[in-house]
Amino acid sequence: MGEWIVSSPGVLGGKPCVRGTRISVEHIMEALASGASREDILRAYPQIAADGLAAALQYAARSLKNEVVWDLKTVYPPNMRGDYCTSADAAGLRCAAC
């Protein structure tokens, strides 16, 4: 992985990229999240070797392994009447029906 993923302050602000390209690991992950397959990415970016793509995915996975968990907005399901509970206490806790 280390030979395929590089970072240079002068290229994309230092974002990790596939060696020899200006294609960031972030860009690859966004493409996958948008529904592109590995084959789609390799076809769209022939300058990326299959091993480079695999290294980018491995880099992303390893970088998230010990990542801080972000405080995400909690989405509560609708209550029995089909609408959302609007009664929340000061701590944001919902009623038992929700």
Protein backbone atom coordinates (compact mmCIF):
# COMPACT_ATOMS: atom_id res chain seq x y z
CA MET A 1 0.00 0.00 0.00
CA GLY A 2 2.74 2.46 0.96
CA GLU A 3 4.29 2.43 -2.50
CA TRP A 4 0.97 3.20 -4.22
CA ILE A 5 -0.45 5.95 -2.01
CA VAL A 6 1.55 9.16 -1.75
CA SER A 7 1.05 12.64 -0.36
CA SER A 8 2.74 15.81 -1.54
CA PRO A 9 1.94 19.31 -0.25
CA GLY A 10 2.01 20.61 -3.83
CA VAL A 11 -0.53 18.12 -5.15
CA LEU A 12 -4.17 18.56 -4.12
CA GLY A 13 -3.10 20.21 -0.89
CA GLY A 14 -1.38 17.07 0.35
CA LYS A 15 -4.36 14.74 0.04
CA PRO A 16 -3.37 11.08 -0.31
CA CYS A 17 -3.32 10.18 -4.02
CA VAL A 18 -2.58 7.18 -6.16
CA ARG A 19 1.11 7.41 -7.13
CA GLY A 20 1.72 9.08 -10.48
CA THR A 21 -1.74 10.64 -10.62
CA ARG A 22 -3.69 13.56 -9.23
CA ILE A 23 -6.50 11.21 -8.25
CA SER A 24 -7.11 11.29 -4.52
CA VAL A 25 -8.24 8.46 -2.31
CA GLU A 26 -11.14 10.74 -1.39
CA HIS A 27 -12.18 11.01 -5.06
CA ILE A 28 -12.11 7.24 -5.44
CA MET A 29 -14.23 6.77 -2.33
CA GLU A 30 -16.74 9.36 -3.56
CA ALA A 31 -16.98 7.51 -6.89
CA LEU A 32 -17.66 4.22 -5.10
CA ALA A 33 -20.22 5.88 -2.82
CA SER A 34 -21.96 7.23 -5.92
CA GLY A 35 -22.38 3.71 -7.27
CA ALA A 36 -19.30 3.25 -9.45
CA SER A 37 -17.75 -0.21 -9.43
CA ARG A 38 -14.03 -0.91 -9.33
CA GLU A 39 -14.23 -1.72 -13.02
CA ASP A 40 -15.97 1.62 -13.72
CA ILE A 41 -13.16 3.49 -11.96
CA LEU A 42 -10.41 1.59 -13.75
CA ARG A 43 -12.13 2.24 -17.09
CA ALA A 44 -12.64 5.96 -16.35
CA TYR A 45 -9.07 6.41 -15.06
CA PRO A 46 -6.77 4.12 -17.06
CA GLN A 47 -3.76 5.74 -15.36
CA ILE A 48 -4.75 3.90 -12.15
CA ALA A 49 -3.47 0.33 -11.95
CA ALA A 50 -5.71 -2.26 -10.32
CA ASP A 51 -3.14 -2.56 -7.52
CA GLY A 52 -3.26 1.22 -7.03
CA LEU A 53 -7.04 1.13 -6.70
CA ALA A 54 -6.82 -1.72 -4.22
CA ALA A 55 -4.22 0.24 -2.24
CA ALA A 56 -6.51 3.30 -2.17
CA LEU A 57 -9.35 1.23 -0.74
CA GLN A 58 -7.03 -0.36 1.80
CA TYR A 59 -5.70 3.09 2.77
CA ALA A 60 -9.23 4.40 3.29
CA ALA A 61 -10.20 1.40 5.39
CA ARG A 62 -7.10 1.63 7.56
CA SER A 63 -7.46 5.37 8.03
CA LEU A 64 -10.97 4.84 9.42
CA LYS A 65 -10.05 1.91 11.64
CA ASN A 66 -9.21 4.08 14.66
CA GLU A 67 -11.10 7.16 13.58
CA VAL A 68 -13.06 9.31 16.00
CA VAL A 69 -16.79 8.67 15.78
CA TRP A 70 -18.59 11.85 14.76
CA ASP A 71 -21.68 12.98 16.64
CA LEU A 72 -24.33 12.30 14.02
CA LYS A 73 -27.89 13.53 14.01
CA THR A 74 -30.17 10.78 15.27
CA VAL A 75 -33.21 10.13 13.14
CA TYR A 76 -36.21 8.78 14.99
CA PRO A 77 -38.85 6.63 13.27
CA PRO A 78 -42.42 7.88 12.91
CA ASN A 79 -44.74 7.14 15.78
CA MET A 80 -47.88 5.03 15.44
CA ARG A 81 -49.92 7.91 13.92
CA GLY A 82 -47.43 8.24 11.07
CA ASP A 83 -45.98 11.59 12.14
CA TYR A 84 -42.87 12.48 14.08
CA CYS A 85 -42.78 13.09 17.79
CA THR A 86 -42.27 16.75 18.56
CA SER A 87 -42.01 16.32 22.30
CA ALA A 88 -38.37 16.25 23.27
CA ASP A 89 -36.92 17.16 26.61
CA ALA A 90 -33.96 19.48 27.07
CA ALA A 91 -31.55 16.64 26.33
CA GLY A 92 -33.31 15.90 23.05
CA LEU A 93 -34.75 12.59 24.24
CA ARG A 94 -37.95 11.47 22.53
CA CYS A 95 -41.06 9.98 24.00
CA ALA A 96 -41.31 6.22 24.54
CA ALA A 97 -43.71 5.81 21.61
CA CYS A 98 -41.00 6.90 19.22
